[in-house]
ModelCIF file with pLDDT and N, C-alpha, C, O atoms, coordinates in Angstrom:
data_MODEL
#
_entry.id   MODEL 
#
_entity.id                         1 
_entity.type                       polymer 
_entity.pdbx_number_of_molecules   1 
#
_entity_poly.entity_id                      1 
_entity_poly.type                           'polypeptide(L)' 
_entity_poly.nstd_linkage                   no 
_entity_poly.nstd_monomer                   no 
_entity_poly.pdbx_seq_one_letter_code       
;(UNK)(UNK)(UNK)(UNK)(UNK)(UNK)(UNK)(UNK)(UNK)(UNK)(UNK)(UNK)(UNK)(UNK)(UNK)(UNK)
(UNK)(UNK)(UNK)(UNK)(UNK)(UNK)(UNK)(UNK)(UNK)(UNK)(UNK)(UNK)(UNK)(UNK)(UNK)(UNK)
(UNK)(UNK)(UNK)(UNK)(UNK)(UNK)(UNK)(UNK)(UNK)
;
_entity_poly.pdbx_seq_one_letter_code_can   XXXXXXXXXXXXXXXXXXXXXXXXXXXXXXXXXXXXXXXXX 
_entity_poly.pdbx_strand_id                 A 
#
loop_
_entity_poly_seq.entity_id 
_entity_poly_seq.num 
_entity_poly_seq.mon_id 
_entity_poly_seq.hetero 
1 1  UNK n 
1 2  UNK n 
1 3  UNK n 
1 4  UNK n 
1 5  UNK n 
1 6  UNK n 
1 7  UNK n 
1 8  UNK n 
1 9  UNK n 
1 10 UNK n 
1 11 UNK n 
1 12 UNK n 
1 13 UNK n 
1 14 UNK n 
1 15 UNK n 
1 16 UNK n 
1 17 UNK n 
1 18 UNK n 
1 19 UNK n 
1 20 UNK n 
1 21 UNK n 
1 22 UNK n 
1 23 UNK n 
1 24 UNK n 
1 25 UNK n 
1 26 UNK n 
1 27 UNK n 
1 28 UNK n 
1 29 UNK n 
1 30 UNK n 
1 31 UNK n 
1 32 UNK n 
1 33 UNK n 
1 34 UNK n 
1 35 UNK n 
1 36 UNK n 
1 37 UNK n 
1 38 UNK n 
1 39 UNK n 
1 40 UNK n 
1 41 UNK n 
#
_struct_asym.id          A 
_struct_asym.entity_id   1 
#
loop_
_ma_qa_metric.id 
_ma_qa_metric.mode 
_ma_qa_metric.name 
_ma_qa_metric.software_group_id 
_ma_qa_metric.type 
1 global pLDDT . pLDDT 
2 local  pLDDT . pLDDT 
#
_ma_qa_metric_global.metric_id      1 
_ma_qa_metric_global.metric_value   94.46 
_ma_qa_metric_global.model_id       1 
_ma_qa_metric_global.ordinal_id     1 
#
loop_
_ma_qa_metric_local.label_asym_id 
_ma_qa_metric_local.label_comp_id 
_ma_qa_metric_local.label_seq_id 
_ma_qa_metric_local.metric_id 
_ma_qa_metric_local.metric_value 
_ma_qa_metric_local.model_id 
_ma_qa_metric_local.ordinal_id 
A UNK 1  2 95.00 1 1  
A UNK 2  2 96.00 1 2  
A UNK 3  2 96.00 1 3  
A UNK 4  2 96.00 1 4  
A UNK 5  2 96.00 1 5  
A UNK 6  2 96.00 1 6  
A UNK 7  2 96.00 1 7  
A UNK 8  2 96.00 1 8  
A UNK 9  2 97.00 1 9  
A UNK 10 2 96.00 1 10 
A UNK 11 2 97.00 1 11 
A UNK 12 2 97.00 1 12 
A UNK 13 2 97.00 1 13 
A UNK 14 2 96.00 1 14 
A UNK 15 2 96.00 1 15 
A UNK 16 2 96.00 1 16 
A UNK 17 2 95.00 1 17 
A UNK 18 2 96.00 1 18 
A UNK 19 2 95.00 1 19 
A UNK 20 2 93.00 1 20 
A UNK 21 2 90.00 1 21 
A UNK 22 2 89.00 1 22 
A UNK 23 2 89.00 1 23 
A UNK 24 2 90.00 1 24 
A UNK 25 2 95.00 1 25 
A UNK 26 2 96.00 1 26 
A UNK 27 2 97.00 1 27 
A UNK 28 2 97.00 1 28 
A UNK 29 2 96.00 1 29 
A UNK 30 2 96.00 1 30 
A UNK 31 2 97.00 1 31 
A UNK 32 2 97.00 1 32 
A UNK 33 2 96.00 1 33 
A UNK 34 2 95.00 1 34 
A UNK 35 2 91.00 1 35 
A UNK 36 2 90.00 1 36 
A UNK 37 2 88.00 1 37 
A UNK 38 2 86.00 1 38 
A UNK 39 2 92.00 1 39 
A UNK 40 2 94.00 1 40 
A UNK 41 2 94.00 1 41 
#
loop_
_atom_site.group_PDB 
_atom_site.id 
_atom_site.type_symbol 
_atom_site.label_atom_id 
_atom_site.label_alt_id 
_atom_site.label_comp_id 
_atom_site.label_asym_id 
_atom_site.label_entity_id 
_atom_site.label_seq_id 
_atom_site.pdbx_PDB_ins_code 
_atom_site.Cartn_x 
_atom_site.Cartn_y 
_atom_site.Cartn_z 
_atom_site.occupancy 
_atom_site.B_iso_or_equiv 
_atom_site.pdbx_formal_charge 
_atom_site.auth_seq_id 
_atom_site.auth_comp_id 
_atom_site.auth_asym_id 
_atom_site.auth_atom_id 
_atom_site.pdbx_PDB_model_num 
ATOM 1   N N  . UNK A 1 1  ? -12.409 3.171   2.457  1.00 95.00 ? 1  UNK A N  1 
ATOM 2   C CA . UNK A 1 1  ? -12.035 2.445   1.233  1.00 95.00 ? 1  UNK A CA 1 
ATOM 3   C C  . UNK A 1 1  ? -10.524 2.400   1.055  1.00 95.00 ? 1  UNK A C  1 
ATOM 4   O O  . UNK A 1 1  ? -9.991  1.399   0.576  1.00 95.00 ? 1  UNK A O  1 
ATOM 5   N N  . UNK A 1 2  ? -9.824  3.472   1.433  1.00 96.00 ? 2  UNK A N  1 
ATOM 6   C CA . UNK A 1 2  ? -8.371  3.478   1.283  1.00 96.00 ? 2  UNK A CA 1 
ATOM 7   C C  . UNK A 1 2  ? -7.739  2.501   2.282  1.00 96.00 ? 2  UNK A C  1 
ATOM 8   O O  . UNK A 1 2  ? -6.702  1.909   1.983  1.00 96.00 ? 2  UNK A O  1 
ATOM 9   N N  . UNK A 1 3  ? -8.345  2.322   3.462  1.00 96.00 ? 3  UNK A N  1 
ATOM 10  C CA . UNK A 1 3  ? -7.849  1.316   4.415  1.00 96.00 ? 3  UNK A CA 1 
ATOM 11  C C  . UNK A 1 3  ? -7.936  -0.081  3.801  1.00 96.00 ? 3  UNK A C  1 
ATOM 12  O O  . UNK A 1 3  ? -7.012  -0.883  3.936  1.00 96.00 ? 3  UNK A O  1 
ATOM 13  N N  . UNK A 1 4  ? -9.042  -0.364  3.132  1.00 96.00 ? 4  UNK A N  1 
ATOM 14  C CA . UNK A 1 4  ? -9.192  -1.656  2.452  1.00 96.00 ? 4  UNK A CA 1 
ATOM 15  C C  . UNK A 1 4  ? -8.171  -1.803  1.331  1.00 96.00 ? 4  UNK A C  1 
ATOM 16  O O  . UNK A 1 4  ? -7.630  -2.887  1.111  1.00 96.00 ? 4  UNK A O  1 
ATOM 17  N N  . UNK A 1 5  ? -7.911  -0.705  0.624  1.00 96.00 ? 5  UNK A N  1 
ATOM 18  C CA . UNK A 1 5  ? -6.910  -0.741  -0.458 1.00 96.00 ? 5  UNK A CA 1 
ATOM 19  C C  . UNK A 1 5  ? -5.523  -1.031  0.108  1.00 96.00 ? 5  UNK A C  1 
ATOM 20  O O  . UNK A 1 5  ? -4.744  -1.759  -0.507 1.00 96.00 ? 5  UNK A O  1 
ATOM 21  N N  . UNK A 1 6  ? -5.211  -0.471  1.265  1.00 96.00 ? 6  UNK A N  1 
ATOM 22  C CA . UNK A 1 6  ? -3.910  -0.733  1.890  1.00 96.00 ? 6  UNK A CA 1 
ATOM 23  C C  . UNK A 1 6  ? -3.790  -2.179  2.358  1.00 96.00 ? 6  UNK A C  1 
ATOM 24  O O  . UNK A 1 6  ? -2.709  -2.763  2.284  1.00 96.00 ? 6  UNK A O  1 
ATOM 25  N N  . UNK A 1 7  ? -4.878  -2.757  2.835  1.00 96.00 ? 7  UNK A N  1 
ATOM 26  C CA . UNK A 1 7  ? -4.864  -4.183  3.198  1.00 96.00 ? 7  UNK A CA 1 
ATOM 27  C C  . UNK A 1 7  ? -4.591  -5.021  1.956  1.00 96.00 ? 7  UNK A C  1 
ATOM 28  O O  . UNK A 1 7  ? -3.785  -5.952  1.991  1.00 96.00 ? 7  UNK A O  1 
ATOM 29  N N  . UNK A 1 8  ? -5.264  -4.686  0.862  1.00 96.00 ? 8  UNK A N  1 
ATOM 30  C CA . UNK A 1 8  ? -5.052  -5.394  -0.411 1.00 96.00 ? 8  UNK A CA 1 
ATOM 31  C C  . UNK A 1 8  ? -3.616  -5.209  -0.889 1.00 96.00 ? 8  UNK A C  1 
ATOM 32  O O  . UNK A 1 8  ? -3.003  -6.148  -1.397 1.00 96.00 ? 8  UNK A O  1 
ATOM 33  N N  . UNK A 1 9  ? -3.083  -4.009  -0.730 1.00 97.00 ? 9  UNK A N  1 
ATOM 34  C CA . UNK A 1 9  ? -1.709  -3.728  -1.139 1.00 97.00 ? 9  UNK A CA 1 
ATOM 35  C C  . UNK A 1 9  ? -0.715  -4.553  -0.324 1.00 97.00 ? 9  UNK A C  1 
ATOM 36  O O  . UNK A 1 9  ? 0.215   -5.129  -0.890 1.00 97.00 ? 9  UNK A O  1 
ATOM 37  N N  . UNK A 1 10 ? -0.896  -4.618  0.984  1.00 96.00 ? 10 UNK A N  1 
ATOM 38  C CA . UNK A 1 10 ? 0.014   -5.414  1.824  1.00 96.00 ? 10 UNK A CA 1 
ATOM 39  C C  . UNK A 1 10 ? -0.052  -6.891  1.454  1.00 96.00 ? 10 UNK A C  1 
ATOM 40  O O  . UNK A 1 10 ? 0.974   -7.568  1.408  1.00 96.00 ? 10 UNK A O  1 
ATOM 41  N N  . UNK A 1 11 ? -1.269  -7.395  1.188  1.00 97.00 ? 11 UNK A N  1 
ATOM 42  C CA . UNK A 1 11 ? -1.431  -8.796  0.779  1.00 97.00 ? 11 UNK A CA 1 
ATOM 43  C C  . UNK A 1 11 ? -0.722  -9.052  -0.551 1.00 97.00 ? 11 UNK A C  1 
ATOM 44  O O  . UNK A 1 11 ? -0.036  -10.061 -0.710 1.00 97.00 ? 11 UNK A O  1 
ATOM 45  N N  . UNK A 1 12 ? -0.890  -8.142  -1.493 1.00 97.00 ? 12 UNK A N  1 
ATOM 46  C CA . UNK A 1 12 ? -0.234  -8.283  -2.800 1.00 97.00 ? 12 UNK A CA 1 
ATOM 47  C C  . UNK A 1 12 ? 1.276   -8.265  -2.642 1.00 97.00 ? 12 UNK A C  1 
ATOM 48  O O  . UNK A 1 12 ? 1.981   -9.020  -3.312 1.00 97.00 ? 12 UNK A O  1 
ATOM 49  N N  . UNK A 1 13 ? 1.779   -7.404  -1.759 1.00 97.00 ? 13 UNK A N  1 
ATOM 50  C CA . UNK A 1 13 ? 3.220   -7.339  -1.505 1.00 97.00 ? 13 UNK A CA 1 
ATOM 51  C C  . UNK A 1 13 ? 3.733   -8.637  -0.880 1.00 97.00 ? 13 UNK A C  1 
ATOM 52  O O  . UNK A 1 13 ? 4.784   -9.140  -1.276 1.00 97.00 ? 13 UNK A O  1 
ATOM 53  N N  . UNK A 1 14 ? 2.998   -9.181  0.093  1.00 96.00 ? 14 UNK A N  1 
ATOM 54  C CA . UNK A 1 14 ? 3.396   -10.465 0.701  1.00 96.00 ? 14 UNK A CA 1 
ATOM 55  C C  . UNK A 1 14 ? 3.460   -11.575 -0.348 1.00 96.00 ? 14 UNK A C  1 
ATOM 56  O O  . UNK A 1 14 ? 4.418   -12.347 -0.385 1.00 96.00 ? 14 UNK A O  1 
ATOM 57  N N  . UNK A 1 15 ? 2.437   -11.651 -1.195 1.00 96.00 ? 15 UNK A N  1 
ATOM 58  C CA . UNK A 1 15 ? 2.406   -12.675 -2.247 1.00 96.00 ? 15 UNK A CA 1 
ATOM 59  C C  . UNK A 1 15 ? 3.562   -12.481 -3.217 1.00 96.00 ? 15 UNK A C  1 
ATOM 60  O O  . UNK A 1 15 ? 4.181   -13.449 -3.658 1.00 96.00 ? 15 UNK A O  1 
ATOM 61  N N  . UNK A 1 16 ? 3.846   -11.248 -3.542 1.00 96.00 ? 16 UNK A N  1 
ATOM 62  C CA . UNK A 1 16 ? 4.952   -10.947 -4.457 1.00 96.00 ? 16 UNK A CA 1 
ATOM 63  C C  . UNK A 1 16 ? 6.284   -11.378 -3.844 1.00 96.00 ? 16 UNK A C  1 
ATOM 64  O O  . UNK A 1 16 ? 7.106   -12.002 -4.515 1.00 96.00 ? 16 UNK A O  1 
ATOM 65  N N  . UNK A 1 17 ? 6.496   -11.044 -2.574 1.00 95.00 ? 17 UNK A N  1 
ATOM 66  C CA . UNK A 1 17 ? 7.744   -11.418 -1.909 1.00 95.00 ? 17 UNK A CA 1 
ATOM 67  C C  . UNK A 1 17 ? 7.879   -12.932 -1.761 1.00 95.00 ? 17 UNK A C  1 
ATOM 68  O O  . UNK A 1 17 ? 8.989   -13.463 -1.806 1.00 95.00 ? 17 UNK A O  1 
ATOM 69  N N  . UNK A 1 18 ? 6.764   -13.626 -1.585 1.00 96.00 ? 18 UNK A N  1 
ATOM 70  C CA . UNK A 1 18 ? 6.808   -15.092 -1.491 1.00 96.00 ? 18 UNK A CA 1 
ATOM 71  C C  . UNK A 1 18 ? 7.282   -15.703 -2.815 1.00 96.00 ? 18 UNK A C  1 
ATOM 72  O O  . UNK A 1 18 ? 7.916   -16.757 -2.833 1.00 96.00 ? 18 UNK A O  1 
ATOM 73  N N  . UNK A 1 19 ? 6.968   -15.031 -3.905 1.00 95.00 ? 19 UNK A N  1 
ATOM 74  C CA . UNK A 1 19 ? 7.377   -15.522 -5.230 1.00 95.00 ? 19 UNK A CA 1 
ATOM 75  C C  . UNK A 1 19 ? 8.780   -15.048 -5.623 1.00 95.00 ? 19 UNK A C  1 
ATOM 76  O O  . UNK A 1 19 ? 9.365   -15.567 -6.574 1.00 95.00 ? 19 UNK A O  1 
ATOM 77  N N  . UNK A 1 20 ? 9.321   -14.064 -4.893 1.00 93.00 ? 20 UNK A N  1 
ATOM 78  C CA . UNK A 1 20 ? 10.641  -13.506 -5.206 1.00 93.00 ? 20 UNK A CA 1 
ATOM 79  C C  . UNK A 1 20 ? 11.510  -13.517 -3.946 1.00 93.00 ? 20 UNK A C  1 
ATOM 80  O O  . UNK A 1 20 ? 11.829  -12.465 -3.391 1.00 93.00 ? 20 UNK A O  1 
ATOM 81  N N  . UNK A 1 21 ? 11.879  -14.689 -3.514 1.00 90.00 ? 21 UNK A N  1 
ATOM 82  C CA . UNK A 1 21 ? 12.608  -14.829 -2.248 1.00 90.00 ? 21 UNK A CA 1 
ATOM 83  C C  . UNK A 1 21 ? 14.054  -14.355 -2.331 1.00 90.00 ? 21 UNK A C  1 
ATOM 84  O O  . UNK A 1 21 ? 14.683  -14.115 -1.301 1.00 90.00 ? 21 UNK A O  1 
ATOM 85  N N  . UNK A 1 22 ? 14.587  -14.216 -3.538 1.00 89.00 ? 22 UNK A N  1 
ATOM 86  C CA . UNK A 1 22 ? 15.994  -13.835 -3.686 1.00 89.00 ? 22 UNK A CA 1 
ATOM 87  C C  . UNK A 1 22 ? 16.268  -12.392 -3.278 1.00 89.00 ? 22 UNK A C  1 
ATOM 88  O O  . UNK A 1 22 ? 17.378  -12.079 -2.848 1.00 89.00 ? 22 UNK A O  1 
ATOM 89  N N  . UNK A 1 23 ? 15.300  -11.522 -3.402 1.00 89.00 ? 23 UNK A N  1 
ATOM 90  C CA . UNK A 1 23 ? 15.474  -10.112 -3.062 1.00 89.00 ? 23 UNK A CA 1 
ATOM 91  C C  . UNK A 1 23 ? 14.124  -9.564  -2.613 1.00 89.00 ? 23 UNK A C  1 
ATOM 92  O O  . UNK A 1 23 ? 13.266  -9.239  -3.434 1.00 89.00 ? 23 UNK A O  1 
ATOM 93  N N  . UNK A 1 24 ? 13.948  -9.468  -1.287 1.00 90.00 ? 24 UNK A N  1 
ATOM 94  C CA . UNK A 1 24 ? 12.661  -9.004  -0.763 1.00 90.00 ? 24 UNK A CA 1 
ATOM 95  C C  . UNK A 1 24 ? 12.469  -7.522  -1.008 1.00 90.00 ? 24 UNK A C  1 
ATOM 96  O O  . UNK A 1 24 ? 13.401  -6.722  -0.932 1.00 90.00 ? 24 UNK A O  1 
ATOM 97  N N  . UNK A 1 25 ? 11.243  -7.192  -1.301 1.00 95.00 ? 25 UNK A N  1 
ATOM 98  C CA . UNK A 1 25 ? 10.830  -5.815  -1.510 1.00 95.00 ? 25 UNK A CA 1 
ATOM 99  C C  . UNK A 1 25 ? 10.221  -5.319  -0.205 1.00 95.00 ? 25 UNK A C  1 
ATOM 100 O O  . UNK A 1 25 ? 9.182   -5.819  0.228  1.00 95.00 ? 25 UNK A O  1 
ATOM 101 N N  . UNK A 1 26 ? 10.862  -4.342  0.421  1.00 96.00 ? 26 UNK A N  1 
ATOM 102 C CA . UNK A 1 26 ? 10.364  -3.755  1.665  1.00 96.00 ? 26 UNK A CA 1 
ATOM 103 C C  . UNK A 1 26 ? 9.902   -2.337  1.359  1.00 96.00 ? 26 UNK A C  1 
ATOM 104 O O  . UNK A 1 26 ? 10.632  -1.536  0.775  1.00 96.00 ? 26 UNK A O  1 
ATOM 105 N N  . UNK A 1 27 ? 8.664   -2.046  1.771  1.00 97.00 ? 27 UNK A N  1 
ATOM 106 C CA . UNK A 1 27 ? 8.043   -0.781  1.396  1.00 97.00 ? 27 UNK A CA 1 
ATOM 107 C C  . UNK A 1 27 ? 7.350   -0.162  2.608  1.00 97.00 ? 27 UNK A C  1 
ATOM 108 O O  . UNK A 1 27 ? 6.717   -0.864  3.396  1.00 97.00 ? 27 UNK A O  1 
ATOM 109 N N  . UNK A 1 28 ? 7.474   1.144   2.748  1.00 97.00 ? 28 UNK A N  1 
ATOM 110 C CA . UNK A 1 28 ? 6.713   1.894   3.741  1.00 97.00 ? 28 UNK A CA 1 
ATOM 111 C C  . UNK A 1 28 ? 5.548   2.573   3.026  1.00 97.00 ? 28 UNK A C  1 
ATOM 112 O O  . UNK A 1 28 ? 5.701   3.090   1.920  1.00 97.00 ? 28 UNK A O  1 
ATOM 113 N N  . UNK A 1 29 ? 4.380   2.565   3.673  1.00 96.00 ? 29 UNK A N  1 
ATOM 114 C CA . UNK A 1 29 ? 3.181   3.154   3.087  1.00 96.00 ? 29 UNK A CA 1 
ATOM 115 C C  . UNK A 1 29 ? 2.620   4.230   4.002  1.00 96.00 ? 29 UNK A C  1 
ATOM 116 O O  . UNK A 1 29 ? 2.779   4.178   5.221  1.00 96.00 ? 29 UNK A O  1 
ATOM 117 N N  . UNK A 1 30 ? 1.973   5.189   3.398  1.00 96.00 ? 30 UNK A N  1 
ATOM 118 C CA . UNK A 1 30 ? 1.214   6.195   4.134  1.00 96.00 ? 30 UNK A CA 1 
ATOM 119 C C  . UNK A 1 30 ? 0.021   6.586   3.289  1.00 96.00 ? 30 UNK A C  1 
ATOM 120 O O  . UNK A 1 30 ? 0.041   6.426   2.069  1.00 96.00 ? 30 UNK A O  1 
ATOM 121 N N  . UNK A 1 31 ? -1.018  7.097   3.927  1.00 97.00 ? 31 UNK A N  1 
ATOM 122 C CA . UNK A 1 31 ? -2.211  7.490   3.184  1.00 97.00 ? 31 UNK A CA 1 
ATOM 123 C C  . UNK A 1 31 ? -2.878  8.670   3.878  1.00 97.00 ? 31 UNK A C  1 
ATOM 124 O O  . UNK A 1 31 ? -2.755  8.859   5.088  1.00 97.00 ? 31 UNK A O  1 
ATOM 125 N N  . UNK A 1 32 ? -3.580  9.447   3.084  1.00 97.00 ? 32 UNK A N  1 
ATOM 126 C CA . UNK A 1 32 ? -4.350  10.574  3.610  1.00 97.00 ? 32 UNK A CA 1 
ATOM 127 C C  . UNK A 1 32 ? -5.544  10.790  2.682  1.00 97.00 ? 32 UNK A C  1 
ATOM 128 O O  . UNK A 1 32 ? -5.500  10.451  1.499  1.00 97.00 ? 32 UNK A O  1 
ATOM 129 N N  . UNK A 1 33 ? -6.608  11.358  3.241  1.00 96.00 ? 33 UNK A N  1 
ATOM 130 C CA . UNK A 1 33 ? -7.834  11.559  2.476  1.00 96.00 ? 33 UNK A CA 1 
ATOM 131 C C  . UNK A 1 33 ? -8.345  12.980  2.646  1.00 96.00 ? 33 UNK A C  1 
ATOM 132 O O  . UNK A 1 33 ? -8.341  13.527  3.748  1.00 96.00 ? 33 UNK A O  1 
ATOM 133 N N  . UNK A 1 34 ? -8.778  13.564  1.555  1.00 95.00 ? 34 UNK A N  1 
ATOM 134 C CA . UNK A 1 34 ? -9.508  14.834  1.575  1.00 95.00 ? 34 UNK A CA 1 
ATOM 135 C C  . UNK A 1 34 ? -10.978 14.487  1.377  1.00 95.00 ? 34 UNK A C  1 
ATOM 136 O O  . UNK A 1 34 ? -11.384 14.098  0.282  1.00 95.00 ? 34 UNK A O  1 
ATOM 137 N N  . UNK A 1 35 ? -11.770 14.624  2.426  1.00 91.00 ? 35 UNK A N  1 
ATOM 138 C CA . UNK A 1 35 ? -13.199 14.275  2.343  1.00 91.00 ? 35 UNK A CA 1 
ATOM 139 C C  . UNK A 1 35 ? -13.955 15.257  1.451  1.00 91.00 ? 35 UNK A C  1 
ATOM 140 O O  . UNK A 1 35 ? -14.881 14.876  0.735  1.00 91.00 ? 35 UNK A O  1 
ATOM 141 N N  . UNK A 1 36 ? -13.551 16.519  1.505  1.00 90.00 ? 36 UNK A N  1 
ATOM 142 C CA . UNK A 1 36 ? -14.129 17.551  0.649  1.00 90.00 ? 36 UNK A CA 1 
ATOM 143 C C  . UNK A 1 36 ? -12.970 18.380  0.134  1.00 90.00 ? 36 UNK A C  1 
ATOM 144 O O  . UNK A 1 36 ? -11.814 18.081  0.433  1.00 90.00 ? 36 UNK A O  1 
ATOM 145 N N  . UNK A 1 37 ? -13.257 19.399  -0.624 1.00 88.00 ? 37 UNK A N  1 
ATOM 146 C CA . UNK A 1 37 ? -12.180 20.163  -1.247 1.00 88.00 ? 37 UNK A CA 1 
ATOM 147 C C  . UNK A 1 37 ? -11.086 20.507  -0.242 1.00 88.00 ? 37 UNK A C  1 
ATOM 148 O O  . UNK A 1 37 ? -11.347 20.994  0.858  1.00 88.00 ? 37 UNK A O  1 
ATOM 149 N N  . UNK A 1 38 ? -9.858  20.236  -0.660 1.00 86.00 ? 38 UNK A N  1 
ATOM 150 C CA . UNK A 1 38 ? -8.665  20.611  0.101  1.00 86.00 ? 38 UNK A CA 1 
ATOM 151 C C  . UNK A 1 38 ? -7.516  20.659  -0.893 1.00 86.00 ? 38 UNK A C  1 
ATOM 152 O O  . UNK A 1 38 ? -7.550  19.957  -1.903 1.00 86.00 ? 38 UNK A O  1 
ATOM 153 N N  . UNK A 1 39 ? -6.505  21.468  -0.630 1.00 92.00 ? 39 UNK A N  1 
ATOM 154 C CA . UNK A 1 39 ? -5.331  21.437  -1.518 1.00 92.00 ? 39 UNK A CA 1 
ATOM 155 C C  . UNK A 1 39 ? -4.700  20.046  -1.476 1.00 92.00 ? 39 UNK A C  1 
ATOM 156 O O  . UNK A 1 39 ? -4.256  19.596  -0.420 1.00 92.00 ? 39 UNK A O  1 
ATOM 157 N N  . UNK A 1 40 ? -4.660  19.378  -2.607 1.00 94.00 ? 40 UNK A N  1 
ATOM 158 C CA . UNK A 1 40 ? -4.159  18.006  -2.633 1.00 94.00 ? 40 UNK A CA 1 
ATOM 159 C C  . UNK A 1 40 ? -2.667  17.936  -2.387 1.00 94.00 ? 40 UNK A C  1 
ATOM 160 O O  . UNK A 1 40 ? -2.162  16.875  -2.021 1.00 94.00 ? 40 UNK A O  1 
ATOM 161 N N  . UNK A 1 41 ? -1.938  19.036  -2.578 1.00 94.00 ? 41 UNK A N  1 
ATOM 162 C CA . UNK A 1 41 ? -0.515  19.041  -2.217 1.00 94.00 ? 41 UNK A CA 1 
ATOM 163 C C  . UNK A 1 41 ? -0.355  18.825  -0.718 1.00 94.00 ? 41 UNK A C  1 
ATOM 164 O O  . UNK A 1 41 ? 0.768   18.797  -0.214 1.00 94.00 ? 41 UNK A O  1 
#
């Protein structure tokens, strides 16, 4: 599900940059998942 969210995020960023050509927003993303209890830090 987080992979799908990242695809949606990249699409939203592309659409946003297409509407704001004067100053592009460049972003690096990373993600991690705890399937069961783990220290979230």
